[in-house]
Amino acid sequence: MPIKKSELYSSLWKSCDELRGGMDASQYKDYVLVLLFMKYVSDKYAGKSDALIEVPKGGSFKDMASLNKDANIGDSINKIIAKLAEANDLKGVIDVADFNNEDKLGKGQDMVDRLANLIAIFKNPSLDFSKNRAEGDDLLGDAYEYLMRNFATESGKSKGQFYTPAEVSRVIAQVLGIRDHATTSTTLYDPTCGSGSLLLKAADEAGVKISIYGQEMDNATAAMARMNMILHENPTAEIWQDNTLSRPHFLHPDKTLKTFDYVVANPPFSNKAWSTGFDPEHDLYDRFTDGIPPMKNGDYAFLLHVLRSLKSTGKGAIVMPHGVLFRGNSEGEIRRSLINKGYIKGIISLPANLFYGTGIPACIIVLDKEGAAARPGVFMIDASKGFLKDGNKNRLR
């Protein structure tokens, strides 16, 4: 039977308890999720030939478990992770957290005890991934959201990162109609991919293996997205870490933006520093021909990037704050231009208090270049009351 999410979350919570004191709560995930990844791939692939992930000698969770209370446990864990990273081109992905950091993990016996207890939690027989996966379809992404939700108040900081609830991801995947047209040559892209959960939900909806591309600015989050792709058996997915607006990675040989069949996105809302690193008035990628968004609000910058990244028959969906529907000045001009060109196919108004990190109401804007010139109007859905209470958050029905 599948591993219950409740058991997984209970173990994660215990592991975070072991890390309290030396680091900001928002950094717990960097350690906990790497151990979760090591445990998962070791259980699933160790000793198997032609496996998705090569688990080399001295590079498995079993090697960690054998450390017990080794005086050099932190350095030993780093070396075990490094061996797995080197064998699978995962340097800079799973070796981001330093398990030998005295400032975060304590000195001497304090570090030894803390790391030994941390490993012991993942040795729990209930966390055996050798035969089955956790129930549900986004092990690492769901675990990440769980950690973010539980430590958001403890960290006392806004990380400027937004995580797409599974229900919203599924709605986006379905309204795009990927399943109706996907083939093995279909391409899917997310310019602000976060943990990769939205990409995975959309790809899963396709019903066949498609090509996945994502870019994420935060280094640790991009690393987690790469791990998430591997856990969901999409090892060829291309995840790139950099600023999408100033340095988009996916380009044609002539340096124009690469275009995709489908694009999904849940960018940071109302980013005030969206133009950092480039001049929108002289954009190298012709993204702002419909107008330049206000310098202090980047919502339309991300929407125009998504639109420019679509093929001539491409379809996209982007989560935006409600303000994009009615704000004036340059945003009003951009909105009018996009509607007149028929690019906006539909708008779904979402409930408030749905996303982690913000309580403001949002919407899904559905873009479709195919048949845009003949599109008679915009299909609008009010789903603002379609929610269930879940603690202090709302969940989309």
Protein backbone atom coordinates (compact mmCIF):
# COMPACT_ATOMS: atom_id res chain seq x y z
CA MET A 1 0.00 0.00 0.00
CA PRO A 2 1.19 3.57 -0.59
CA ILE A 3 3.05 5.47 2.08
CA LYS A 4 0.59 7.82 3.77
CA LYS A 5 1.28 11.51 3.46
CA SER A 6 0.48 11.85 7.17
CA GLU A 7 3.37 9.49 8.02
CA LEU A 8 5.71 11.33 5.68
CA TYR A 9 4.74 14.72 7.13
CA SER A 10 5.12 13.45 10.69
CA SER A 11 8.66 12.32 9.89
CA LEU A 12 9.48 15.65 8.23
CA TRP A 13 8.21 17.53 11.26
CA LYS A 14 10.38 15.44 13.58
CA SER A 15 13.40 16.01 11.34
CA CYS A 16 12.82 19.76 11.45
CA ASP A 17 12.66 19.63 15.25
CA GLU A 18 16.22 18.27 15.15
CA LEU A 19 17.39 21.35 13.22
CA ARG A 20 15.89 24.07 15.38
CA GLY A 21 18.14 26.66 16.94
CA GLY A 22 21.01 27.09 14.52
CA MET A 23 19.27 28.31 11.37
CA ASP A 24 16.32 30.24 10.01
CA ALA A 25 13.23 28.07 9.70
CA SER A 26 13.11 28.67 5.96
CA GLN A 27 16.44 26.80 5.60
CA TYR A 28 15.26 23.55 7.20
CA LYS A 29 13.90 22.37 3.86
CA ASP A 30 17.36 22.50 2.23
CA TYR A 31 18.55 19.76 4.59
CA VAL A 32 15.36 17.75 5.04
CA LEU A 33 14.48 17.49 1.35
CA VAL A 34 17.99 16.39 0.36
CA LEU A 35 17.78 13.55 2.89
CA LEU A 36 14.31 12.69 1.59
CA PHE A 37 15.73 12.57 -1.95
CA MET A 38 18.69 10.41 -0.87
CA LYS A 39 16.35 8.01 0.92
CA TYR A 40 13.94 7.82 -2.02
CA VAL A 41 16.49 7.16 -4.78
CA SER A 42 18.48 4.75 -2.59
CA ASP A 43 15.37 2.69 -1.79
CA LYS A 44 14.17 2.71 -5.37
CA TYR A 45 17.35 2.35 -7.44
CA ALA A 46 20.25 0.99 -5.35
CA GLY A 47 21.66 -2.24 -6.81
CA LYS A 48 19.62 -2.03 -10.01
CA SER A 49 21.23 -1.99 -13.43
CA ASP A 50 20.01 0.53 -16.03
CA ALA A 51 18.25 2.45 -13.26
CA LEU A 52 17.04 6.00 -13.71
CA ILE A 53 19.52 7.08 -11.03
CA GLU A 54 22.89 5.40 -10.45
CA VAL A 55 23.49 4.85 -6.76
CA PRO A 56 27.28 4.39 -6.53
CA LYS A 57 29.20 2.54 -3.85
CA GLY A 58 29.57 4.88 -0.90
CA GLY A 59 26.85 7.20 -2.23
CA SER A 60 23.60 5.88 -0.74
CA PHE A 61 21.38 6.54 2.23
CA LYS A 62 22.50 3.16 3.57
CA ASP A 63 26.00 4.60 3.82
CA MET A 64 24.60 7.50 5.82
CA ALA A 65 22.69 5.13 8.10
CA SER A 66 25.91 3.27 8.90
CA LEU A 67 27.62 6.42 10.21
CA ASN A 68 25.82 6.16 13.56
CA LYS A 69 27.60 8.74 15.75
CA ASP A 70 30.79 9.14 13.75
CA ALA A 71 32.77 12.14 15.05
CA ASN A 72 33.11 13.39 11.43
CA ILE A 73 29.48 12.71 10.52
CA GLY A 74 28.86 16.08 8.84
CA ASP A 75 31.84 15.78 6.50
CA SER A 76 30.98 12.14 5.82
CA ILE A 77 27.40 13.02 4.82
CA ASN A 78 28.72 15.70 2.44
CA LYS A 79 31.02 13.13 0.80
CA ILE A 80 28.22 10.56 0.42
CA ILE A 81 25.96 13.14 -1.22
CA ALA A 82 28.85 14.27 -3.45
CA LYS A 83 29.31 10.72 -4.76
CA LEU A 84 25.66 10.46 -5.78
CA ALA A 85 25.82 13.96 -7.30
CA GLU A 86 28.93 13.17 -9.36
CA ALA A 87 27.49 9.90 -10.65
CA ASN A 88 24.30 11.56 -11.92
CA ASP A 89 25.26 15.08 -13.02
CA LEU A 90 23.58 16.52 -9.93
CA LYS A 91 26.39 18.77 -8.67
CA GLY A 92 24.88 22.05 -7.58
CA VAL A 93 21.52 20.33 -7.16
CA ILE A 94 21.64 17.92 -4.22
CA ASP A 95 24.86 19.21 -2.65
CA VAL A 96 23.65 22.75 -1.91
CA ALA A 97 23.22 22.24 1.86
CA ASP A 98 26.41 21.88 3.92
CA PHE A 99 25.95 19.17 6.54
CA ASN A 100 29.26 20.16 8.15
CA ASN A 101 28.26 23.76 8.89
CA GLU A 102 28.96 24.37 12.60
CA ASP A 103 27.10 27.70 12.60
CA LYS A 104 23.86 25.99 11.57
CA LEU A 105 24.23 22.48 12.99
CA GLY A 106 26.28 23.04 16.14
CA LYS A 107 29.81 22.14 17.12
CA GLY A 108 31.38 18.88 18.27
CA GLN A 109 28.99 16.44 19.92
CA ASP A 110 26.02 18.76 19.30
CA MET A 111 26.42 18.32 15.53
CA VAL A 112 27.05 14.58 15.86
CA ASP A 113 23.89 14.02 17.93
CA ARG A 114 21.74 16.28 15.76
CA LEU A 115 22.73 14.61 12.47
CA ALA A 116 22.58 11.09 13.90
CA ASN A 117 19.04 11.74 15.15
CA LEU A 118 18.11 13.27 11.80
CA ILE A 119 19.28 10.19 9.90
CA ALA A 120 17.51 7.91 12.39
CA ILE A 121 14.19 9.54 11.54
CA PHE A 122 14.59 8.63 7.86
CA LYS A 123 15.51 5.06 8.81
CA ASN A 124 11.92 4.57 10.01
CA PRO A 125 10.49 1.43 8.30
CA SER A 126 7.33 3.39 7.41
CA LEU A 127 9.44 5.45 5.01
CA ASP A 128 10.33 2.57 2.71
CA PHE A 129 10.14 3.73 -0.91
CA SER A 130 11.51 0.52 -2.44
CA LYS A 131 8.16 -0.82 -3.64
CA ASN A 132 5.85 2.15 -3.78
CA ARG A 133 5.67 5.90 -3.70
CA ALA A 134 3.90 8.18 -1.29
CA GLU A 135 0.17 8.43 -1.92
CA GLY A 136 -0.65 11.35 -4.20
CA ASP A 137 1.37 12.53 -7.13
CA ASP A 138 3.87 15.14 -5.98
CA LEU A 139 5.99 13.79 -3.14
CA LEU A 140 8.66 16.47 -3.01
CA GLY A 141 6.48 19.39 -4.06
CA ASP A 142 3.83 18.55 -1.47
CA ALA A 143 6.51 18.09 1.19
CA TYR A 144 7.98 21.49 0.25
CA GLU A 145 4.59 23.21 0.53
CA TYR A 146 4.03 21.48 3.85
CA LEU A 147 7.31 22.86 5.19
CA MET A 148 6.64 26.34 3.81
CA ARG A 149 3.15 26.42 5.33
CA ASN A 150 4.36 25.30 8.76
CA PHE A 151 7.39 27.57 8.96
CA ALA A 152 6.15 30.71 7.23
CA THR A 153 5.20 32.29 10.55
CA GLU A 154 8.32 31.02 12.33
CA SER A 155 10.74 32.48 9.81
CA GLY A 156 9.06 35.87 10.08
CA LYS A 157 10.08 36.66 6.52
CA SER A 158 8.40 36.87 3.16
CA LYS A 159 10.53 34.88 0.74
CA GLY A 160 8.79 36.35 -2.29
CA GLN A 161 8.04 32.82 -3.49
CA PHE A 162 4.61 31.50 -4.36
CA TYR A 163 3.72 27.83 -4.50
CA THR A 164 0.87 26.58 -6.62
CA PRO A 165 -1.69 24.47 -4.72
CA ALA A 166 -2.33 21.10 -6.36
CA GLU A 167 -5.98 21.94 -7.10
CA VAL A 168 -5.03 25.09 -9.01
CA SER A 169 -2.34 23.20 -10.94
CA ARG A 170 -4.87 20.57 -12.01
CA VAL A 171 -7.36 23.20 -13.17
CA ILE A 172 -4.64 24.91 -15.24
CA ALA A 173 -3.58 21.59 -16.76
CA GLN A 174 -7.16 20.75 -17.72
CA VAL A 175 -8.25 24.13 -19.16
CA LEU A 176 -5.24 24.05 -21.50
CA GLY A 177 -6.57 20.87 -23.10
CA ILE A 178 -3.14 19.24 -23.29
CA ARG A 179 -4.59 15.73 -23.25
CA ASP A 180 -6.52 16.36 -26.48
CA HIS A 181 -3.46 17.23 -28.56
CA ALA A 182 -0.27 16.00 -26.84
CA THR A 183 2.25 13.82 -28.66
CA THR A 184 5.78 12.79 -27.77
CA SER A 185 7.03 15.93 -29.57
CA THR A 186 4.89 18.32 -27.48
CA THR A 187 6.79 20.94 -25.45
CA LEU A 188 5.81 22.45 -22.08
CA TYR A 189 7.50 25.40 -20.35
CA ASP A 190 7.25 27.28 -17.05
CA PRO A 191 9.38 30.46 -16.83
CA THR A 192 8.96 30.71 -13.02
CA CYS A 193 8.80 27.03 -12.18
CA GLY A 194 9.41 27.08 -8.42
CA SER A 195 9.41 23.53 -7.07
CA GLY A 196 8.19 22.24 -10.45
CA SER A 197 4.81 21.04 -9.18
CA LEU A 198 2.79 23.02 -11.74
CA LEU A 199 4.95 21.67 -14.56
CA LEU A 200 4.49 18.12 -13.30
CA LYS A 201 0.70 18.42 -13.00
CA ALA A 202 0.46 19.81 -16.54
CA ALA A 203 2.79 17.14 -17.93
CA ASP A 204 0.83 14.41 -16.15
CA GLU A 205 -2.37 15.66 -17.78
CA ALA A 206 -0.82 15.10 -21.22
CA GLY A 207 -1.06 11.34 -20.86
CA VAL A 208 2.16 10.78 -22.84
CA LYS A 209 5.80 11.70 -22.16
CA ILE A 210 6.36 15.26 -23.34
CA SER A 211 9.41 17.56 -23.20
CA ILE A 212 9.56 19.72 -20.05
CA TYR A 213 11.43 23.02 -19.65
CA GLY A 214 11.60 25.29 -16.61
CA GLN A 215 13.50 28.28 -15.30
CA GLU A 216 13.66 29.44 -11.67
CA MET A 217 15.59 32.33 -10.16
CA ASP A 218 16.16 30.97 -6.64
CA ASN A 219 19.08 28.53 -6.52
CA ALA A 220 17.75 26.23 -3.78
CA THR A 221 14.27 26.15 -5.32
CA ALA A 222 15.66 25.37 -8.78
CA ALA A 223 17.65 22.52 -7.24
CA MET A 224 14.48 21.21 -5.64
CA ALA A 225 12.65 21.37 -8.97
CA ARG A 226 15.40 19.26 -10.53
CA MET A 227 15.05 16.70 -7.73
CA ASN A 228 11.28 16.77 -8.16
CA MET A 229 11.60 15.95 -11.87
CA ILE A 230 13.79 12.94 -11.06
CA LEU A 231 11.40 11.71 -8.38
CA HIS A 232 8.62 11.82 -10.94
CA GLU A 233 10.66 9.98 -13.56
CA ASN A 234 11.26 12.97 -15.81
CA PRO A 235 15.09 13.00 -15.64
CA THR A 236 15.43 14.67 -19.06
CA ALA A 237 13.45 17.74 -18.00
CA GLU A 238 15.58 20.87 -18.43
CA ILE A 239 15.53 23.08 -15.34
CA TRP A 240 17.69 26.20 -15.45
CA GLN A 241 18.54 28.57 -12.61
CA ASP A 242 18.57 32.26 -13.52
CA ASN A 243 16.39 35.36 -13.85
CA THR A 244 13.87 34.64 -16.63
CA LEU A 245 13.07 38.26 -17.45
CA SER A 246 16.65 39.57 -17.65
CA ARG A 247 18.38 36.37 -18.80
CA PRO A 248 15.96 33.88 -20.37
CA HIS A 249 17.83 30.63 -20.94
CA PHE A 250 15.77 28.89 -23.61
CA LEU A 251 16.70 30.54 -26.91
CA HIS A 252 16.92 29.66 -30.58
CA PRO A 253 20.39 29.70 -32.20
CA ASP A 254 19.65 33.24 -33.48
CA LYS A 255 19.13 34.35 -29.83
CA THR A 256 15.37 34.83 -30.17
CA LEU A 257 13.13 33.29 -27.52
CA LYS A 258 12.41 29.60 -27.92
CA THR A 259 8.69 28.99 -28.33
CA PHE A 260 6.60 26.15 -26.89
CA ASP A 261 3.30 24.37 -27.44
CA TYR A 262 2.16 25.03 -23.87
CA VAL A 263 3.31 27.49 -21.21
CA VAL A 264 2.18 27.59 -17.57
CA ALA A 265 3.26 30.02 -14.86
CA ASN A 266 2.57 31.22 -11.33
CA PRO A 267 5.04 34.12 -11.08
CA PRO A 268 5.64 36.25 -7.96
CA PHE A 269 2.78 38.72 -7.65
CA SER A 270 3.44 42.42 -8.34
CA ASN A 271 7.23 42.14 -8.41
CA LYS A 272 8.69 45.61 -7.89
CA ALA A 273 12.16 44.71 -9.20
CA TRP A 274 11.13 42.91 -12.40
CA SER A 275 13.28 45.12 -14.68
CA THR A 276 16.51 44.62 -12.71
CA GLY A 277 19.33 43.61 -15.04
CA PHE A 278 17.89 44.80 -18.37
CA ASP A 279 16.23 47.72 -20.15
CA PRO A 280 12.61 46.89 -21.09
CA GLU A 281 12.54 49.72 -23.65
CA HIS A 282 15.32 47.96 -25.57
CA ASP A 283 14.33 44.37 -24.86
CA LEU A 284 16.39 41.89 -26.88
CA TYR A 285 13.47 39.48 -27.17
CA ASP A 286 10.63 41.77 -28.40
CA ARG A 287 8.39 40.91 -25.44
CA PHE A 288 6.97 44.38 -24.82
CA THR A 289 5.59 45.38 -28.23
CA ASP A 290 2.11 45.69 -26.64
CA GLY A 291 3.41 48.11 -24.01
CA ILE A 292 5.90 48.37 -21.15
CA PRO A 293 4.57 47.41 -17.70
CA PRO A 294 5.02 49.95 -14.87
CA MET A 295 8.48 49.83 -13.33
CA LYS A 296 7.05 49.05 -9.87
CA ASN A 297 4.76 46.22 -10.92
CA GLY A 298 5.91 43.23 -12.97
CA ASP A 299 2.67 41.28 -13.39
CA TYR A 300 2.29 42.06 -17.10
CA ALA A 301 6.02 41.57 -17.68
CA PHE A 302 5.62 37.88 -16.86
CA LEU A 303 2.38 37.62 -18.85
CA LEU A 304 4.03 39.17 -21.93
CA HIS A 305 7.00 36.80 -21.54
CA VAL A 306 4.59 33.85 -21.50
CA LEU A 307 2.81 35.16 -24.58
CA ARG A 308 6.07 35.68 -26.49
CA SER A 309 7.14 32.14 -25.53
CA LEU A 310 4.13 30.53 -27.24
CA LYS A 311 4.20 29.09 -30.74
CA SER A 312 1.72 30.51 -33.27
CA THR A 313 -0.76 27.82 -32.18
CA GLY A 314 0.45 27.75 -28.55
CA LYS A 315 -1.70 27.84 -25.44
CA GLY A 316 -0.82 29.16 -22.01
CA ALA A 317 -2.21 29.83 -18.55
CA ILE A 318 -0.80 32.16 -15.92
CA VAL A 319 -1.84 32.91 -12.34
CA MET A 320 -2.11 36.66 -11.72
CA PRO A 321 -3.40 38.92 -8.91
CA HIS A 322 -6.88 40.32 -9.60
CA GLY A 323 -5.44 43.79 -10.14
CA VAL A 324 -4.31 42.91 -13.67
CA LEU A 325 -7.99 42.87 -14.71
CA PHE A 326 -8.75 46.50 -13.92
CA ARG A 327 -5.61 48.58 -13.27
CA GLY A 328 -5.21 51.48 -15.70
CA ASN A 329 -2.42 53.48 -17.40
CA SER A 330 0.18 51.31 -19.16
CA GLU A 331 -1.41 48.10 -17.82
CA GLY A 332 -4.79 49.14 -19.23
CA GLU A 333 -3.19 49.78 -22.62
CA ILE A 334 -1.49 46.37 -22.63
CA ARG A 335 -4.74 44.67 -21.61
CA ARG A 336 -6.69 46.43 -24.37
CA SER A 337 -4.11 45.44 -26.98
CA LEU A 338 -4.14 41.78 -25.96
CA ILE A 339 -7.94 41.62 -25.97
CA ASN A 340 -8.14 43.31 -29.38
CA LYS A 341 -5.69 40.74 -30.77
CA GLY A 342 -7.78 37.92 -29.31
CA TYR A 343 -4.92 36.40 -27.31
CA ILE A 344 -6.90 36.19 -24.05
CA LYS A 345 -9.26 33.23 -24.35
CA GLY A 346 -10.58 33.06 -20.81
CA ILE A 347 -10.34 34.37 -17.26
CA ILE A 348 -11.06 32.30 -14.14
CA SER A 349 -11.55 34.31 -10.95
CA LEU A 350 -10.18 32.37 -7.97
CA PRO A 351 -11.03 32.52 -4.24
CA ALA A 352 -9.02 34.73 -1.90
CA ASN A 353 -6.51 33.27 0.59
CA LEU A 354 -5.69 30.36 -1.71
CA PHE A 355 -1.92 30.67 -2.07
CA TYR A 356 0.92 30.31 0.45
CA GLY A 357 2.58 33.65 1.08
CA THR A 358 -0.36 35.89 0.16
CA GLY A 359 -4.06 36.18 0.97
CA ILE A 360 -5.08 38.36 -1.99
CA PRO A 361 -7.52 37.02 -4.61
CA ALA A 362 -6.06 35.88 -7.90
CA CYS A 363 -7.17 34.71 -11.32
CA ILE A 364 -6.05 32.38 -14.07
CA ILE A 365 -5.63 34.06 -17.45
CA VAL A 366 -5.89 31.57 -20.30
CA LEU A 367 -3.99 32.53 -23.46
CA ASP A 368 -4.45 30.97 -26.90
CA LYS A 369 -2.77 32.15 -30.09
CA GLU A 370 -4.61 29.64 -32.28
CA GLY A 371 -7.56 31.35 -33.97
CA ALA A 372 -6.91 34.53 -31.97
CA ALA A 373 -7.80 36.93 -34.80
CA ALA A 374 -11.32 35.50 -35.07
CA ARG A 375 -11.97 35.22 -31.31
CA PRO A 376 -15.23 37.04 -30.54
CA GLY A 377 -14.71 37.65 -26.82
CA VAL A 378 -13.33 36.43 -23.50
CA PHE A 379 -14.92 33.50 -21.68
CA MET A 380 -15.17 34.37 -17.97
CA ILE A 381 -15.72 32.08 -14.98
CA ASP A 382 -16.34 33.27 -11.41
CA ALA A 383 -14.94 30.56 -9.13
CA SER A 384 -14.36 32.96 -6.23
CA LYS A 385 -16.84 31.10 -4.01
CA GLY A 386 -15.67 27.65 -5.06
CA PHE A 387 -13.55 26.85 -2.02
CA LEU A 388 -13.39 24.76 1.15
CA LYS A 389 -11.88 26.00 4.41
CA ASP A 390 -8.64 24.22 5.33
CA GLY A 391 -7.25 25.62 8.56
CA ASN A 392 -6.39 29.25 7.98
CA LYS A 393 -6.27 28.82 4.17
CA ASN A 394 -8.87 28.20 1.49
CA ARG A 395 -8.71 25.28 -0.94
CA LEU A 396 -10.15 25.37 -4.44
CA ARG A 397 -13.00 22.89 -4.94
